PDB file of N, CA and C in Angstrom:
ATOM      1  N   MET A   1       0.988  -0.816   0.454  1.00  0.00           N
ATOM      2  CA  MET A   1      -0.155   0.333  -0.298  1.00  0.00           C
ATOM      3  C   MET A   1       0.803   1.214  -0.069  1.00  0.00           C
ATOM      4  N   TYR A   2       2.119   1.033   0.780  1.00  0.00           N
ATOM      5  CA  TYR A   2       3.004   2.507   0.625  1.00  0.00           C
ATOM      6  C   TYR A   2       3.339   2.703  -0.122  1.00  0.00           C
ATOM      7  N   GLY A   3       3.834   1.902  -1.072  1.00  0.00           N
ATOM      8  CA  GLY A   3       4.408   1.693  -2.339  1.00  0.00           C
ATOM      9  C   GLY A   3       3.499   2.412  -3.275  1.00  0.00           C
ATOM     10  N   LEU A   4       2.560   1.948  -3.493  1.00  0.00           N
ATOM     11  CA  LEU A   4       1.313   2.632  -4.365  1.00  0.00           C
ATOM     12  C   LEU A   4       1.096   4.298  -3.827  1.00  0.00           C
ATOM     13  N   ILE A   5       1.210   4.117  -3.057  1.00  0.00           N
ATOM     14  CA  ILE A   5       1.099   5.931  -2.451  1.00  0.00           C
ATOM     15  C   ILE A   5       2.241   6.331  -3.182  1.00  0.00           C
ATOM     16  N   TRP A   6       3.436   5.792  -2.403  1.00  0.00           N
ATOM     17  CA  TRP A   6       4.821   6.838  -2.846  1.00  0.00           C
ATOM     18  C   TRP A   6       4.781   6.432  -4.258  1.00  0.00           C
ATOM     19  N   ARG A   7       4.397   5.791  -5.487  1.00  0.00           N
ATOM     20  CA  ARG A   7       4.174   5.887  -6.698  1.00  0.00           C
ATOM     21  C   ARG A   7       3.270   6.800  -7.329  1.00  0.00           C
ATOM     22  N   ARG A   8       2.474   7.080  -6.468  1.00  0.00           N
ATOM     23  CA  ARG A   8       1.091   8.275  -7.440  1.00  0.00           C
ATOM     24  C   ARG A   8       1.754   9.845  -6.738  1.00  0.00           C
ATOM     25  N   LEU A   9       2.603  10.093  -5.856  1.00  0.00           N
ATOM     26  CA  LEU A   9       2.671  11.000  -5.695  1.00  0.00           C
ATOM     27  C   LEU A   9       3.685  11.612  -7.000  1.00  0.00           C
ATOM     28  N   PRO A  10       3.751  12.850  -6.880  1.00  0.00           N
ATOM     29  CA  PRO A  10       4.782  13.715  -7.775  1.00  0.00           C
ATOM     30  C   PRO A  10       6.188  13.179  -8.183  1.00  0.00           C
ATOM     31  N   LYS A  11       7.221  13.276  -8.899  1.00  0.00           N
ATOM     32  CA  LYS A  11       8.283  12.740  -9.127  1.00  0.00           C
ATOM     33  C   LYS A  11       9.629  12.992  -8.493  1.00  0.00           C
ATOM     34  N   ARG A  12       9.627  14.401  -8.249  1.00  0.00           N
ATOM     35  CA  ARG A  12      10.392  15.112  -7.178  1.00  0.00           C
ATOM     36  C   ARG A  12      10.514  14.591  -5.786  1.00  0.00           C
ATOM     37  N   THR A  13      11.826  13.681  -5.423  1.00  0.00           N
ATOM     38  CA  THR A  13      12.003  13.513  -3.811  1.00  0.00           C
ATOM     39  C   THR A  13      11.707  13.947  -2.811  1.00  0.00           C
ATOM     40  N   TRP A  14      12.069  15.650  -2.810  1.00  0.00           N
ATOM     41  CA  TRP A  14      11.919  16.678  -2.061  1.00  0.00           C
ATOM     42  C   TRP A  14      10.089  16.765  -1.784  1.00  0.00           C
ATOM     43  N   LEU A  15       9.624  16.689  -2.830  1.00  0.00           N
ATOM     44  CA  LEU A  15       8.019  16.747  -3.070  1.00  0.00           C
ATOM     45  C   LEU A  15       7.493  15.216  -2.269  1.00  0.00           C
ATOM     46  N   ARG A  16       7.945  14.436  -2.360  1.00  0.00           N
ATOM     47  CA  ARG A  16       7.356  13.418  -1.804  1.00  0.00           C
ATOM     48  C   ARG A  16       7.217  12.971  -0.452  1.00  0.00           C
ATOM     49  N   ILE A  17       8.490  13.634  -0.363  1.00  0.00           N
ATOM     50  CA  ILE A  17       9.069  13.328   1.334  1.00  0.00           C
ATOM     51  C   ILE A  17       7.962  14.372   1.867  1.00  0.00           C
ATOM     52  N   THR A  18       7.571  15.430   1.775  1.00  0.00           N
ATOM     53  CA  THR A  18       7.086  16.753   2.078  1.00  0.00           C
ATOM     54  C   THR A  18       5.327  16.199   2.144  1.00  0.00           C
ATOM     55  N   ILE A  19       5.129  15.663   0.832  1.00  0.00           N
ATOM     56  CA  ILE A  19       3.662  15.107   0.821  1.00  0.00           C
ATOM     57  C   ILE A  19       3.199  14.261   1.754  1.00  0.00           C
ATOM     58  N   SER A  20       4.464  13.475   1.972  1.00  0.00           N
ATOM     59  CA  SER A  20       4.353  12.213   2.999  1.00  0.00           C
ATOM     60  C   SER A  20       3.922  12.519   4.081  1.00  0.00           C
ATOM     61  N   LEU A  21       5.190  13.638   4.773  1.00  0.00           N
ATOM     62  CA  LEU A  21       4.739  13.738   5.926  1.00  0.00           C
ATOM     63  C   LEU A  21       3.641  14.816   6.273  1.00  0.00           C
ATOM     64  N   LEU A  22       3.202  15.031   5.576  1.00  0.00           N
ATOM     65  CA  LEU A  22       1.696  16.017   5.326  1.00  0.00           C
ATOM     66  C   LEU A  22       0.614  15.306   5.714  1.00  0.00           C
ATOM     67  N   LEU A  23       0.722  14.032   5.093  1.00  0.00           N
ATOM     68  CA  LEU A  23      -0.121  13.122   5.154  1.00  0.00           C
ATOM     69  C   LEU A  23      -0.145  12.221   6.295  1.00  0.00           C
ATOM     70  N   ILE A  24       1.132  11.948   7.086  1.00  0.00           N
ATOM     71  CA  ILE A  24       1.179  11.263   8.195  1.00  0.00           C
ATOM     72  C   ILE A  24       0.666  12.259   9.281  1.00  0.00           C
ATOM     73  N   GLY A  25       0.660  13.641   9.230  1.00  0.00           N
ATOM     74  CA  GLY A  25       0.412  14.522  10.082  1.00  0.00           C
ATOM     75  C   GLY A  25      -1.247  14.681  10.017  1.00  0.00           C
ATOM     76  N   VAL A  26      -1.839  14.695   8.855  1.00  0.00           N
ATOM     77  CA  VAL A  26      -3.200  14.443   8.702  1.00  0.00           C
ATOM     78  C   VAL A  26      -3.771  13.514   8.946  1.00  0.00           C
ATOM     79  N   ALA A  27      -3.338  12.341   9.238  1.00  0.00           N
ATOM     80  CA  ALA A  27      -3.653  11.112   9.726  1.00  0.00           C
ATOM     81  C   ALA A  27      -3.662  10.936  11.512  1.00  0.00           C
ATOM     82  N   GLY A  28      -2.839  11.313  12.048  1.00  0.00           N
ATOM     83  CA  GLY A  28      -2.622  11.639  13.245  1.00  0.00           C
ATOM     84  C   GLY A  28      -3.384  12.647  14.265  1.00  0.00           C
ATOM     85  N   VAL A  29      -3.634  13.655  13.375  1.00  0.00           N
ATOM     86  CA  VAL A  29      -4.535  14.805  13.822  1.00  0.00           C
ATOM     87  C   VAL A  29      -6.121  14.193  13.816  1.00  0.00           C
ATOM     88  N   VAL A  30      -6.598  13.439  12.604  1.00  0.00           N
ATOM     89  CA  VAL A  30      -8.069  12.906  12.587  1.00  0.00           C
ATOM     90  C   VAL A  30      -7.654  11.769  13.597  1.00  0.00           C
ATOM     91  N   LEU A  31      -6.911  11.189  13.660  1.00  0.00           N
ATOM     92  CA  LEU A  31      -7.037   9.932  15.148  1.00  0.00           C
ATOM     93  C   LEU A  31      -6.919  10.747  16.210  1.00  0.00           C
ATOM     94  N   TRP A  32      -6.443  11.616  16.800  1.00  0.00           N
ATOM     95  CA  TRP A  32      -6.150  12.341  17.878  1.00  0.00           C
ATOM     96  C   TRP A  32      -7.759  13.334  18.078  1.00  0.00           C
ATOM     97  N   TYR A  33      -7.912  13.690  17.552  1.00  0.00           N
ATOM     98  CA  TYR A  33      -9.367  14.596  17.282  1.00  0.00           C
ATOM     99  C   TYR A  33     -10.480  13.943  16.982  1.00  0.00           C
ATOM    100  N   VAL A  34     -10.867  12.871  16.053  1.00  0.00           N
ATOM    101  CA  VAL A  34     -11.721  12.097  15.822  1.00  0.00           C
ATOM    102  C   VAL A  34     -11.939  10.767  16.538  1.00  0.00           C
ATOM    103  N   VAL A  35     -11.149  10.161  16.128  1.00  0.00           N
ATOM    104  CA  VAL A  35     -11.212   8.533  16.345  1.00  0.00           C
ATOM    105  C   VAL A  35     -11.095   8.449  17.732  1.00  0.00           C
ATOM    106  N   PHE A  36      -9.971   8.697  18.256  1.00  0.00           N
ATOM    107  CA  PHE A  36     -10.165   8.370  19.431  1.00  0.00           C
ATOM    108  C   PHE A  36     -10.875   9.052  20.525  1.00  0.00           C
ATOM    109  N   PRO A  37     -11.654  10.018  20.580  1.00  0.00           N
ATOM    110  CA  PRO A  37     -12.440  10.343  21.276  1.00  0.00           C
ATOM    111  C   PRO A  37     -13.529   9.695  21.160  1.00  0.00           C
ATOM    112  N   TRP A  38     -14.035   9.311  19.689  1.00  0.00           N
ATOM    113  CA  TRP A  38     -15.037   8.645  19.653  1.00  0.00           C
ATOM    114  C   TRP A  38     -14.968   7.016  20.491  1.00  0.00           C
ATOM    115  N   LEU A  39     -13.676   6.237  20.159  1.00  0.00           N
ATOM    116  CA  LEU A  39     -13.390   5.167  20.867  1.00  0.00           C
ATOM    117  C   LEU A  39     -13.645   5.484  22.579  1.00  0.00           C
ATOM    118  N   GLU A  40     -13.178   6.597  23.190  1.00  0.00           N
ATOM    119  CA  GLU A  40     -13.143   6.313  24.393  1.00  0.00           C
ATOM    120  C   GLU A  40     -13.926   5.636  25.414  1.00  0.00           C
ATOM    121  N   PRO A  41     -14.950   6.413  25.089  1.00  0.00           N
ATOM    122  CA  PRO A  41     -16.238   5.502  25.562  1.00  0.00           C
ATOM    123  C   PRO A  41     -16.505   4.187  25.996  1.00  0.00           C
ATOM    124  N   GLN A  42     -15.639   3.524  24.646  1.00  0.00           N
ATOM    125  CA  GLN A  42     -16.216   2.227  24.522  1.00  0.00           C
ATOM    126  C   GLN A  42     -15.356   0.987  24.748  1.00  0.00           C
ATOM    127  N   VAL A  43     -14.076   1.501  25.174  1.00  0.00           N
ATOM    128  CA  VAL A  43     -13.631   0.841  25.866  1.00  0.00           C
ATOM    129  C   VAL A  43     -12.463   1.120  27.238  1.00  0.00           C
ATOM    130  N   PRO A  44     -12.854   0.281  28.148  1.00  0.00           N
ATOM    131  CA  PRO A  44     -13.022   1.331  29.590  1.00  0.00           C
ATOM    132  C   PRO A  44     -11.782   1.322  29.797  1.00  0.00           C
ATOM    133  N   LEU A  45     -10.660   1.594  29.751  1.00  0.00           N
ATOM    134  CA  LEU A  45      -9.600   1.373  30.244  1.00  0.00           C
ATOM    135  C   LEU A  45      -9.074   1.967  31.599  1.00  0.00           C
ATOM    136  N   ASP A  46      -9.690   2.998  32.237  1.00  0.00           N
ATOM    137  CA  ASP A  46      -9.583   3.887  33.345  1.00  0.00           C
ATOM    138  C   ASP A  46     -10.405   3.199  34.356  1.00  0.00           C
ATOM    139  N   ARG A  47     -11.257   2.237  34.240  1.00  0.00           N
ATOM    140  CA  ARG A  47     -12.206   1.563  34.961  1.00  0.00           C
ATOM    141  C   ARG A  47     -11.532   0.172  36.060  1.00  0.00           C
ATOM    142  N   VAL A  48     -11.092   0.638  37.305  1.00  0.00           N
ATOM    143  CA  VAL A  48     -10.582  -0.536  38.035  1.00  0.00           C
ATOM    144  C   VAL A  48     -12.075  -1.585  38.354  1.00  0.00           C
ATOM    145  N   THR A  49     -11.339  -2.522  38.202  1.00  0.00           N
ATOM    146  CA  THR A  49     -11.708  -4.032  38.001  1.00  0.00           C
ATOM    147  C   THR A  49     -11.200  -4.752  39.677  1.00  0.00           C
ATOM    148  N   VAL A  50     -10.505  -4.514  39.963  1.00  0.00           N
ATOM    149  CA  VAL A  50      -9.835  -5.235  40.788  1.00  0.00           C
ATOM    150  C   VAL A  50      -9.984  -4.466  42.325  1.00  0.00           C
ATOM    151  N   GLY A  51     -10.540  -5.250  43.159  1.00  0.00           N
ATOM    152  CA  GLY A  51     -10.677  -4.556  44.575  1.00  0.00           C
ATOM    153  C   GLY A  51      -9.804  -5.223  45.486  1.00  0.00           C
ATOM    154  N   ARG A  52     -10.037  -4.546  46.620  1.00  0.00           N
ATOM    155  CA  ARG A  52      -9.382  -5.234  47.770  1.00  0.00           C
ATOM    156  C   ARG A  52      -9.633  -6.011  48.361  1.00  0.00           C
TER     157      ARG A  52
END
């Protein structure tokens, strides 16, 4: 999949790297602000089930 994305980007290497970093940043922002807040209530990571 990464090879497919790399081949579809423009031919200049510096431009490919810049666009790749931009795509990684956009994916990170979407995960941080959309996916993780939606997922948090469904995954009970902060609920402790072990008692004394």
